[in-house]
């Protein structure tokens, strides 16, 4: 459908590449497997909003601590519990003594 063209990954795309992929779809040099959306479908203001959102996704604001790969609060809680368990085991081994 697009002669094997591939769109750049979202983590590395520039604003121009994003807008080009939306406007000319699979017909562009750097765009990929996507239909084209002309100005009759998506106006310039909407296109600017899409570009800003994709650029935001490259570096999202993570509220609430370390992102840990953007896996969510469950993974962060699991990592905290695992770290606390390791510290507890290390502390118990440090204060305990072996009986002979």
PDB file of N, CA and C in Angstrom:
ATOM      1  N   UNK A   1       0.815  -1.184   0.000  1.00  0.00           N
ATOM      2  CA  UNK A   1       0.000   0.000   0.000  1.00  0.00           C
ATOM      3  C   UNK A   1       0.868   1.260   0.000  1.00  0.00           C
ATOM      4  N   UNK A   2       2.003   1.228   0.697  1.00  0.00           N
ATOM      5  CA  UNK A   2       2.853   2.416   0.771  1.00  0.00           C
ATOM      6  C   UNK A   2       4.236   2.138   0.214  1.00  0.00           C
ATOM      7  N   UNK A   3       4.393   1.101  -0.563  1.00  0.00           N
ATOM      8  CA  UNK A   3       5.665   0.747  -1.182  1.00  0.00           C
ATOM      9  C   UNK A   3       6.777   0.524  -0.168  1.00  0.00           C
ATOM     10  N   UNK A   4       6.439  -0.014   0.996  1.00  0.00           N
ATOM     11  CA  UNK A   4       7.447  -0.358   1.988  1.00  0.00           C
ATOM     12  C   UNK A   4       7.989   0.809   2.794  1.00  0.00           C
ATOM     13  N   UNK A   5       7.416   1.992   2.680  1.00  0.00           N
ATOM     14  CA  UNK A   5       7.890   3.136   3.468  1.00  0.00           C
ATOM     15  C   UNK A   5       7.489   2.956   4.919  1.00  0.00           C
ATOM     16  N   UNK A   6       8.332   3.371   5.815  1.00  0.00           N
ATOM     17  CA  UNK A   6       8.054   3.260   7.240  1.00  0.00           C
ATOM     18  C   UNK A   6       8.115   4.640   7.878  1.00  0.00           C
ATOM     19  N   UNK A   7       7.161   4.929   8.720  1.00  0.00           N
ATOM     20  CA  UNK A   7       7.156   6.198   9.450  1.00  0.00           C
ATOM     21  C   UNK A   7       8.227   6.159  10.528  1.00  0.00           C
ATOM     22  N   UNK A   8       8.806   7.296  10.866  1.00  0.00           N
ATOM     23  CA  UNK A   8       9.788   7.313  11.949  1.00  0.00           C
ATOM     24  C   UNK A   8       9.099   6.996  13.274  1.00  0.00           C
ATOM     25  N   UNK A   9       9.843   6.407  14.195  1.00  0.00           N
ATOM     26  CA  UNK A   9       9.288   6.101  15.495  1.00  0.00           C
ATOM     27  C   UNK A   9       8.866   7.374  16.224  1.00  0.00           C
ATOM     28  N   UNK A  10       7.859   7.268  17.075  1.00  0.00           N
ATOM     29  CA  UNK A  10       7.364   8.449  17.783  1.00  0.00           C
ATOM     30  C   UNK A  10       8.406   9.049  18.716  1.00  0.00           C
ATOM     31  N   UNK A  11       9.323   8.248  19.218  1.00  0.00           N
ATOM     32  CA  UNK A  11      10.330   8.764  20.145  1.00  0.00           C
ATOM     33  C   UNK A  11      11.403   9.586  19.447  1.00  0.00           C
ATOM     34  N   UNK A  12      11.512   9.469  18.131  1.00  0.00           N
ATOM     35  CA  UNK A  12      12.563  10.193  17.404  1.00  0.00           C
ATOM     36  C   UNK A  12      12.013  11.164  16.366  1.00  0.00           C
ATOM     37  N   UNK A  13      10.704  11.243  16.182  1.00  0.00           N
ATOM     38  CA  UNK A  13      10.120  12.066  15.133  1.00  0.00           C
ATOM     39  C   UNK A  13      10.198  13.549  15.479  1.00  0.00           C
ATOM     40  N   UNK A  14      10.461  14.352  14.462  1.00  0.00           N
ATOM     41  CA  UNK A  14      10.444  15.802  14.638  1.00  0.00           C
ATOM     42  C   UNK A  14       9.051  16.313  14.306  1.00  0.00           C
ATOM     43  N   UNK A  15       8.804  17.582  14.605  1.00  0.00           N
ATOM     44  CA  UNK A  15       7.495  18.178  14.319  1.00  0.00           C
ATOM     45  C   UNK A  15       7.196  18.135  12.822  1.00  0.00           C
ATOM     46  N   UNK A  16       8.197  18.375  12.009  1.00  0.00           N
ATOM     47  CA  UNK A  16       8.008  18.347  10.551  1.00  0.00           C
ATOM     48  C   UNK A  16       7.655  16.942  10.074  1.00  0.00           C
ATOM     49  N   UNK A  17       8.321  15.930  10.599  1.00  0.00           N
ATOM     50  CA  UNK A  17       8.033  14.552  10.196  1.00  0.00           C
ATOM     51  C   UNK A  17       6.631  14.125  10.612  1.00  0.00           C
ATOM     52  N   UNK A  18       6.187  14.572  11.787  1.00  0.00           N
ATOM     53  CA  UNK A  18       4.837  14.237  12.249  1.00  0.00           C
ATOM     54  C   UNK A  18       3.798  14.877  11.342  1.00  0.00           C
ATOM     55  N   UNK A  19       3.986  16.176  11.059  1.00  0.00           N
ATOM     56  CA  UNK A  19       3.028  16.880  10.195  1.00  0.00           C
ATOM     57  C   UNK A  19       3.036  16.294   8.791  1.00  0.00           C
ATOM     58  N   UNK A  20       4.208  15.923   8.290  1.00  0.00           N
ATOM     59  CA  UNK A  20       4.304  15.318   6.958  1.00  0.00           C
ATOM     60  C   UNK A  20       3.583  13.974   6.919  1.00  0.00           C
ATOM     61  N   UNK A  21       3.728  13.175   7.949  1.00  0.00           N
ATOM     62  CA  UNK A  21       3.061  11.876   7.991  1.00  0.00           C
ATOM     63  C   UNK A  21       1.545  12.039   7.998  1.00  0.00           C
ATOM     64  N   UNK A  22       1.040  13.077   8.678  1.00  0.00           N
ATOM     65  CA  UNK A  22      -0.403  13.300   8.717  1.00  0.00           C
ATOM     66  C   UNK A  22      -0.896  13.853   7.388  1.00  0.00           C
ATOM     67  N   UNK A  23      -0.208  14.831   6.837  1.00  0.00           N
ATOM     68  CA  UNK A  23      -0.692  15.514   5.631  1.00  0.00           C
ATOM     69  C   UNK A  23      -0.556  14.688   4.358  1.00  0.00           C
ATOM     70  N   UNK A  24       0.583  14.035   4.159  1.00  0.00           N
ATOM     71  CA  UNK A  24       0.756  13.319   2.889  1.00  0.00           C
ATOM     72  C   UNK A  24       0.810  11.807   3.055  1.00  0.00           C
ATOM     73  N   UNK A  25       0.674  11.319   4.267  1.00  0.00           N
ATOM     74  CA  UNK A  25       0.548   9.888   4.509  1.00  0.00           C
ATOM     75  C   UNK A  25       1.633   9.055   3.875  1.00  0.00           C
ATOM     76  N   UNK A  26       1.248   7.977   3.195  1.00  0.00           N
ATOM     77  CA  UNK A  26       2.195   7.061   2.591  1.00  0.00           C
ATOM     78  C   UNK A  26       2.859   7.572   1.329  1.00  0.00           C
ATOM     79  N   UNK A  27       2.486   8.763   0.876  1.00  0.00           N
ATOM     80  CA  UNK A  27       3.089   9.307  -0.334  1.00  0.00           C
ATOM     81  C   UNK A  27       4.385  10.061  -0.053  1.00  0.00           C
ATOM     82  N   UNK A  28       4.683  10.318   1.202  1.00  0.00           N
ATOM     83  CA  UNK A  28       5.863  11.105   1.551  1.00  0.00           C
ATOM     84  C   UNK A  28       7.129  10.287   1.560  1.00  0.00           C
ATOM     85  N   UNK A  29       8.256  10.999   1.508  1.00  0.00           N
ATOM     86  CA  UNK A  29       9.554  10.342   1.507  1.00  0.00           C
ATOM     87  C   UNK A  29       9.821   9.701   2.864  1.00  0.00           C
ATOM     88  N   UNK A  30       9.476  10.401   3.958  1.00  0.00           N
ATOM     89  CA  UNK A  30       9.780   9.889   5.288  1.00  0.00           C
ATOM     90  C   UNK A  30       8.553   9.377   6.025  1.00  0.00           C
ATOM     91  N   UNK A  31       7.395   9.393   5.419  1.00  0.00           N
ATOM     92  CA  UNK A  31       6.189   8.943   6.107  1.00  0.00           C
ATOM     93  C   UNK A  31       5.967   7.465   5.853  1.00  0.00           C
ATOM     94  N   UNK A  32       4.946   6.911   6.468  1.00  0.00           N
ATOM     95  CA  UNK A  32       4.814   5.464   6.403  1.00  0.00           C
ATOM     96  C   UNK A  32       3.414   4.968   6.164  1.00  0.00           C
ATOM     97  N   UNK A  33       3.063   3.863   6.785  1.00  0.00           N
ATOM     98  CA  UNK A  33       1.816   3.152   6.553  1.00  0.00           C
ATOM     99  C   UNK A  33       0.639   3.904   7.160  1.00  0.00           C
ATOM    100  N   UNK A  34       0.253   4.982   6.537  1.00  0.00           N
ATOM    101  CA  UNK A  34      -0.798   5.810   7.083  1.00  0.00           C
ATOM    102  C   UNK A  34      -1.513   6.529   5.940  1.00  0.00           C
ATOM    103  N   UNK A  35      -2.845   6.626   5.997  1.00  0.00           N
ATOM    104  CA  UNK A  35      -3.536   7.397   4.954  1.00  0.00           C
ATOM    105  C   UNK A  35      -3.258   8.884   5.127  1.00  0.00           C
ATOM    106  N   UNK A  36      -3.487   9.655   4.075  1.00  0.00           N
ATOM    107  CA  UNK A  36      -3.251  11.096   4.193  1.00  0.00           C
ATOM    108  C   UNK A  36      -4.515  11.789   4.676  1.00  0.00           C
ATOM    109  N   UNK A  37      -4.317  12.830   5.457  1.00  0.00           N
ATOM    110  CA  UNK A  37      -5.399  13.640   5.983  1.00  0.00           C
ATOM    111  C   UNK A  37      -5.151  15.074   5.550  1.00  0.00           C
ATOM    112  N   UNK A  38      -5.863  15.517   4.548  1.00  0.00           N
ATOM    113  CA  UNK A  38      -5.698  16.863   4.024  1.00  0.00           C
ATOM    114  C   UNK A  38      -6.314  17.906   4.935  1.00  0.00           C
ATOM    115  N   UNK A  39      -6.206  19.159   4.531  1.00  0.00           N
ATOM    116  CA  UNK A  39      -6.728  20.260   5.356  1.00  0.00           C
ATOM    117  C   UNK A  39      -8.253  20.266   5.399  1.00  0.00           C
ATOM    118  N   UNK A  40      -8.914  19.528   4.497  1.00  0.00           N
ATOM    119  CA  UNK A  40     -10.371  19.427   4.560  1.00  0.00           C
ATOM    120  C   UNK A  40     -10.819  18.480   5.676  1.00  0.00           C
ATOM    121  N   UNK A  41      -9.946  17.583   6.112  1.00  0.00           N
ATOM    122  CA  UNK A  41     -10.273  16.640   7.187  1.00  0.00           C
ATOM    123  C   UNK A  41      -9.735  17.140   8.530  1.00  0.00           C
ATOM    124  N   UNK A  42      -8.471  17.550   8.562  1.00  0.00           N
ATOM    125  CA  UNK A  42      -7.826  18.066   9.781  1.00  0.00           C
ATOM    126  C   UNK A  42      -7.289  19.453   9.456  1.00  0.00           C
ATOM    127  N   UNK A  43      -7.854  20.471  10.129  1.00  0.00           N
ATOM    128  CA  UNK A  43      -7.373  21.824   9.854  1.00  0.00           C
ATOM    129  C   UNK A  43      -6.027  22.061  10.539  1.00  0.00           C
ATOM    130  N   UNK A  44      -5.421  23.200  10.267  1.00  0.00           N
ATOM    131  CA  UNK A  44      -4.066  23.485  10.764  1.00  0.00           C
ATOM    132  C   UNK A  44      -4.009  23.508  12.289  1.00  0.00           C
ATOM    133  N   UNK A  45      -5.038  24.042  12.935  1.00  0.00           N
ATOM    134  CA  UNK A  45      -5.056  24.084  14.405  1.00  0.00           C
ATOM    135  C   UNK A  45      -5.075  22.669  14.991  1.00  0.00           C
ATOM    136  N   UNK A  46      -5.884  21.785  14.418  1.00  0.00           N
ATOM    137  CA  UNK A  46      -5.933  20.402  14.884  1.00  0.00           C
ATOM    138  C   UNK A  46      -4.607  19.689  14.632  1.00  0.00           C
ATOM    139  N   UNK A  47      -3.987  19.956  13.478  1.00  0.00           N
ATOM    140  CA  UNK A  47      -2.697  19.350  13.178  1.00  0.00           C
ATOM    141  C   UNK A  47      -1.635  19.810  14.166  1.00  0.00           C
ATOM    142  N   UNK A  48      -1.644  21.101  14.506  1.00  0.00           N
ATOM    143  CA  UNK A  48      -0.700  21.610  15.504  1.00  0.00           C
ATOM    144  C   UNK A  48      -0.910  20.926  16.853  1.00  0.00           C
ATOM    145  N   UNK A  49      -2.174  20.669  17.208  1.00  0.00           N
ATOM    146  CA  UNK A  49      -2.468  19.978  18.466  1.00  0.00           C
ATOM    147  C   UNK A  49      -1.952  18.548  18.447  1.00  0.00           C
ATOM    148  N   UNK A  50      -2.114  17.862  17.315  1.00  0.00           N
ATOM    149  CA  UNK A  50      -1.609  16.490  17.195  1.00  0.00           C
ATOM    150  C   UNK A  50      -0.091  16.474  17.315  1.00  0.00           C
ATOM    151  N   UNK A  51       0.580  17.415  16.646  1.00  0.00           N
ATOM    152  CA  UNK A  51       2.047  17.486  16.696  1.00  0.00           C
ATOM    153  C   UNK A  51       2.515  17.763  18.123  1.00  0.00           C
ATOM    154  N   UNK A  52       1.865  18.717  18.809  1.00  0.00           N
ATOM    155  CA  UNK A  52       2.244  19.018  20.202  1.00  0.00           C
ATOM    156  C   UNK A  52       2.050  17.798  21.100  1.00  0.00           C
ATOM    157  N   UNK A  53       0.960  17.055  20.896  1.00  0.00           N
ATOM    158  CA  UNK A  53       0.712  15.880  21.727  1.00  0.00           C
ATOM    159  C   UNK A  53       1.768  14.801  21.493  1.00  0.00           C
ATOM    160  N   UNK A  54       2.112  14.546  20.246  1.00  0.00           N
ATOM    161  CA  UNK A  54       3.129  13.525  19.958  1.00  0.00           C
ATOM    162  C   UNK A  54       4.482  13.957  20.522  1.00  0.00           C
ATOM    163  N   UNK A  55       4.819  15.232  20.402  1.00  0.00           N
ATOM    164  CA  UNK A  55       6.075  15.724  20.992  1.00  0.00           C
ATOM    165  C   UNK A  55       6.043  15.624  22.513  1.00  0.00           C
ATOM    166  N   UNK A  56       4.871  15.840  23.121  1.00  0.00           N
ATOM    167  CA  UNK A  56       4.735  15.677  24.574  1.00  0.00           C
ATOM    168  C   UNK A  56       4.973  14.223  24.968  1.00  0.00           C
ATOM    169  N   UNK A  57       4.512  13.282  24.163  1.00  0.00           N
ATOM    170  CA  UNK A  57       4.689  11.862  24.471  1.00  0.00           C
ATOM    171  C   UNK A  57       6.156  11.450  24.492  1.00  0.00           C
ATOM    172  N   UNK A  58       7.009  12.216  23.818  1.00  0.00           N
ATOM    173  CA  UNK A  58       8.436  11.893  23.825  1.00  0.00           C
ATOM    174  C   UNK A  58       9.050  12.132  25.198  1.00  0.00           C
ATOM    175  N   UNK A  59       8.568  13.122  25.933  1.00  0.00           N
ATOM    176  CA  UNK A  59       9.077  13.447  27.273  1.00  0.00           C
ATOM    177  C   UNK A  59       7.912  13.830  28.181  1.00  0.00           C
ATOM    178  N   UNK A  60       7.079  12.858  28.603  1.00  0.00           N
ATOM    179  CA  UNK A  60       5.922  13.205  29.425  1.00  0.00           C
ATOM    180  C   UNK A  60       6.341  13.630  30.829  1.00  0.00           C
ATOM    181  N   UNK A  61       5.491  14.443  31.457  1.00  0.00           N
ATOM    182  CA  UNK A  61       5.726  14.840  32.843  1.00  0.00           C
ATOM    183  C   UNK A  61       5.235  13.713  33.744  1.00  0.00           C
ATOM    184  N   UNK A  62       6.129  13.142  34.501  1.00  0.00           N
ATOM    185  CA  UNK A  62       5.766  12.052  35.407  1.00  0.00           C
ATOM    186  C   UNK A  62       5.583  12.615  36.795  1.00  0.00           C
ATOM    187  N   UNK A  63       4.352  12.652  37.236  1.00  0.00           N
ATOM    188  CA  UNK A  63       4.067  13.123  38.587  1.00  0.00           C
ATOM    189  C   UNK A  63       4.058  11.921  39.512  1.00  0.00           C
ATOM    190  N   UNK A  64       4.770  12.012  40.581  1.00  0.00           N
ATOM    191  CA  UNK A  64       4.718  10.936  41.562  1.00  0.00           C
ATOM    192  C   UNK A  64       5.908  10.019  41.545  1.00  0.00           C
ATOM    193  N   UNK A  65       7.086  10.526  41.368  1.00  0.00           N
ATOM    194  CA  UNK A  65       8.268   9.698  41.526  1.00  0.00           C
ATOM    195  C   UNK A  65       8.907   9.281  40.225  1.00  0.00           C
ATOM    196  N   UNK A  66       9.687   8.224  40.328  1.00  0.00           N
ATOM    197  CA  UNK A  66      10.425   7.717  39.181  1.00  0.00           C
ATOM    198  C   UNK A  66       9.472   7.024  38.209  1.00  0.00           C
ATOM    199  N   UNK A  67       9.644   7.208  36.910  1.00  0.00           N
ATOM    200  CA  UNK A  67       8.706   6.628  35.954  1.00  0.00           C
ATOM    201  C   UNK A  67       8.838   5.113  35.781  1.00  0.00           C
ATOM    202  N   UNK A  68      10.023   4.549  35.998  1.00  0.00           N
ATOM    203  CA  UNK A  68      10.250   3.111  35.834  1.00  0.00           C
ATOM    204  C   UNK A  68       9.703   2.601  34.502  1.00  0.00           C
ATOM    205  N   UNK A  69      10.044   3.271  33.419  1.00  0.00           N
ATOM    206  CA  UNK A  69       9.610   2.831  32.103  1.00  0.00           C
ATOM    207  C   UNK A  69       8.154   3.117  31.812  1.00  0.00           C
ATOM    208  N   UNK A  70       7.533   4.004  32.541  1.00  0.00           N
ATOM    209  CA  UNK A  70       6.127   4.392  32.350  1.00  0.00           C
ATOM    210  C   UNK A  70       5.198   3.189  32.478  1.00  0.00           C
ATOM    211  N   UNK A  71       5.480   2.305  33.416  1.00  0.00           N
ATOM    212  CA  UNK A  71       4.644   1.122  33.602  1.00  0.00           C
ATOM    213  C   UNK A  71       3.471   1.378  34.535  1.00  0.00           C
ATOM    214  N   UNK A  72       3.514   2.429  35.320  1.00  0.00           N
ATOM    215  CA  UNK A  72       2.384   2.767  36.169  1.00  0.00           C
ATOM    216  C   UNK A  72       2.665   2.571  37.643  1.00  0.00           C
ATOM    217  N   UNK A  73       1.693   2.954  38.468  1.00  0.00           N
ATOM    218  CA  UNK A  73       1.890   2.910  39.916  1.00  0.00           C
ATOM    219  C   UNK A  73       2.009   1.504  40.486  1.00  0.00           C
ATOM    220  N   UNK A  74       1.417   0.503  39.852  1.00  0.00           N
ATOM    221  CA  UNK A  74       1.518  -0.865  40.368  1.00  0.00           C
ATOM    222  C   UNK A  74       2.960  -1.333  40.305  1.00  0.00           C
ATOM    223  N   UNK A  75       3.623  -1.099  39.181  1.00  0.00           N
ATOM    224  CA  UNK A  75       5.018  -1.503  39.044  1.00  0.00           C
ATOM    225  C   UNK A  75       5.913  -0.719  40.001  1.00  0.00           C
ATOM    226  N   UNK A  76       5.604   0.565  40.190  1.00  0.00           N
ATOM    227  CA  UNK A  76       6.396   1.366  41.118  1.00  0.00           C
ATOM    228  C   UNK A  76       6.221   0.855  42.547  1.00  0.00           C
ATOM    229  N   UNK A  77       5.003   0.505  42.919  1.00  0.00           N
ATOM    230  CA  UNK A  77       4.758  -0.039  44.257  1.00  0.00           C
ATOM    231  C   UNK A  77       5.453  -1.373  44.460  1.00  0.00           C
ATOM    232  N   UNK A  78       5.437  -2.213  43.422  1.00  0.00           N
ATOM    233  CA  UNK A  78       6.118  -3.500  43.504  1.00  0.00           C
ATOM    234  C   UNK A  78       7.618  -3.305  43.676  1.00  0.00           C
ATOM    235  N   UNK A  79       8.179  -2.359  42.958  1.00  0.00           N
ATOM    236  CA  UNK A  79       9.609  -2.078  43.102  1.00  0.00           C
ATOM    237  C   UNK A  79       9.923  -1.564  44.507  1.00  0.00           C
ATOM    238  N   UNK A  80       9.060  -0.737  45.062  1.00  0.00           N
ATOM    239  CA  UNK A  80       9.274  -0.225  46.423  1.00  0.00           C
ATOM    240  C   UNK A  80       9.208  -1.368  47.443  1.00  0.00           C
ATOM    241  N   UNK A  81       8.226  -2.245  47.312  1.00  0.00           N
ATOM    242  CA  UNK A  81       8.122  -3.381  48.233  1.00  0.00           C
ATOM    243  C   UNK A  81       9.321  -4.318  48.102  1.00  0.00           C
ATOM    244  N   UNK A  82       9.752  -4.574  46.871  1.00  0.00           N
ATOM    245  CA  UNK A  82      10.919  -5.433  46.667  1.00  0.00           C
ATOM    246  C   UNK A  82      12.172  -4.837  47.280  1.00  0.00           C
ATOM    247  N   UNK A  83      12.360  -3.522  47.104  1.00  0.00           N
ATOM    248  CA  UNK A  83      13.514  -2.853  47.710  1.00  0.00           C
ATOM    249  C   UNK A  83      13.458  -2.883  49.229  1.00  0.00           C
ATOM    250  N   UNK A  84      12.263  -2.669  49.784  1.00  0.00           N
ATOM    251  CA  UNK A  84      12.111  -2.715  51.238  1.00  0.00           C
ATOM    252  C   UNK A  84      12.393  -4.116  51.771  1.00  0.00           C
ATOM    253  N   UNK A  85      11.953  -5.135  51.066  1.00  0.00           N
ATOM    254  CA  UNK A  85      12.206  -6.513  51.488  1.00  0.00           C
ATOM    255  C   UNK A  85      13.703  -6.823  51.479  1.00  0.00           C
ATOM    256  N   UNK A  86      14.396  -6.392  50.441  1.00  0.00           N
ATOM    257  CA  UNK A  86      15.844  -6.613  50.385  1.00  0.00           C
ATOM    258  C   UNK A  86      16.570  -5.889  51.520  1.00  0.00           C
ATOM    259  N   UNK A  87      16.163  -4.667  51.807  1.00  0.00           N
ATOM    260  CA  UNK A  87      16.776  -3.935  52.921  1.00  0.00           C
ATOM    261  C   UNK A  87      16.501  -4.620  54.256  1.00  0.00           C
ATOM    262  N   UNK A  88      15.288  -5.127  54.429  1.00  0.00           N
ATOM    263  CA  UNK A  88      14.952  -5.830  55.675  1.00  0.00           C
ATOM    264  C   UNK A  88      15.799  -7.079  55.850  1.00  0.00           C
ATOM    265  N   UNK A  89      15.947  -7.859  54.780  1.00  0.00           N
ATOM    266  CA  UNK A  89      16.767  -9.076  54.860  1.00  0.00           C
ATOM    267  C   UNK A  89      18.223  -8.718  55.157  1.00  0.00           C
ATOM    268  N   UNK A  90      18.738  -7.684  54.510  1.00  0.00           N
ATOM    269  CA  UNK A  90      20.113  -7.269  54.758  1.00  0.00           C
ATOM    270  C   UNK A  90      20.292  -6.796  56.204  1.00  0.00           C
ATOM    271  N   UNK A  91      19.316  -6.065  56.721  1.00  0.00           N
ATOM    272  CA  UNK A  91      19.398  -5.583  58.099  1.00  0.00           C
ATOM    273  C   UNK A  91      19.360  -6.744  59.096  1.00  0.00           C
ATOM    274  N   UNK A  92      18.474  -7.708  58.864  1.00  0.00           N
ATOM    275  CA  UNK A  92      18.378  -8.866  59.760  1.00  0.00           C
ATOM    276  C   UNK A  92      19.668  -9.663  59.742  1.00  0.00           C
ATOM    277  N   UNK A  93      20.259  -9.857  58.591  1.00  0.00           N
ATOM    278  CA  UNK A  93      21.536 -10.578  58.520  1.00  0.00           C
ATOM    279  C   UNK A  93      22.653  -9.810  59.221  1.00  0.00           C
ATOM    280  N   UNK A  94      22.599  -8.482  59.150  1.00  0.00           N
ATOM    281  CA  UNK A  94      23.645  -7.647  59.762  1.00  0.00           C
ATOM    282  C   UNK A  94      23.556  -7.706  61.287  1.00  0.00           C
ATOM    283  N   UNK A  95      22.339  -7.656  61.870  1.00  0.00           N
ATOM    284  CA  UNK A  95      22.232  -7.622  63.323  1.00  0.00           C
ATOM    285  C   UNK A  95      22.193  -9.014  63.940  1.00  0.00           C
ATOM    286  N   UNK A  96      21.922 -10.027  63.152  1.00  0.00           N
ATOM    287  CA  UNK A  96      21.844 -11.383  63.689  1.00  0.00           C
ATOM    288  C   UNK A  96      23.230 -11.992  63.867  1.00  0.00           C
ATOM    289  N   UNK A  97      23.302 -13.002  64.703  1.00  0.00           N
ATOM    290  CA  UNK A  97      24.562 -13.706  64.829  1.00  0.00           C
ATOM    291  C   UNK A  97      24.289 -15.191  64.675  1.00  0.00           C
ATOM    292  N   UNK A  98      25.292 -15.876  64.200  1.00  0.00           N
ATOM    293  CA  UNK A  98      25.157 -17.313  63.964  1.00  0.00           C
ATOM    294  C   UNK A  98      25.399 -18.077  65.256  1.00  0.00           C
ATOM    295  N   UNK A  99      24.619 -19.113  65.414  1.00  0.00           N
ATOM    296  CA  UNK A  99      24.854 -20.001  66.563  1.00  0.00           C
ATOM    297  C   UNK A  99      25.649 -21.190  66.083  1.00  0.00           C
ATOM    298  N   UNK A 100      26.511 -21.650  66.946  1.00  0.00           N
ATOM    299  CA  UNK A 100      27.386 -22.778  66.576  1.00  0.00           C
ATOM    300  C   UNK A 100      26.917 -24.064  67.168  1.00  0.00           C
TER     301      UNK A 100
END
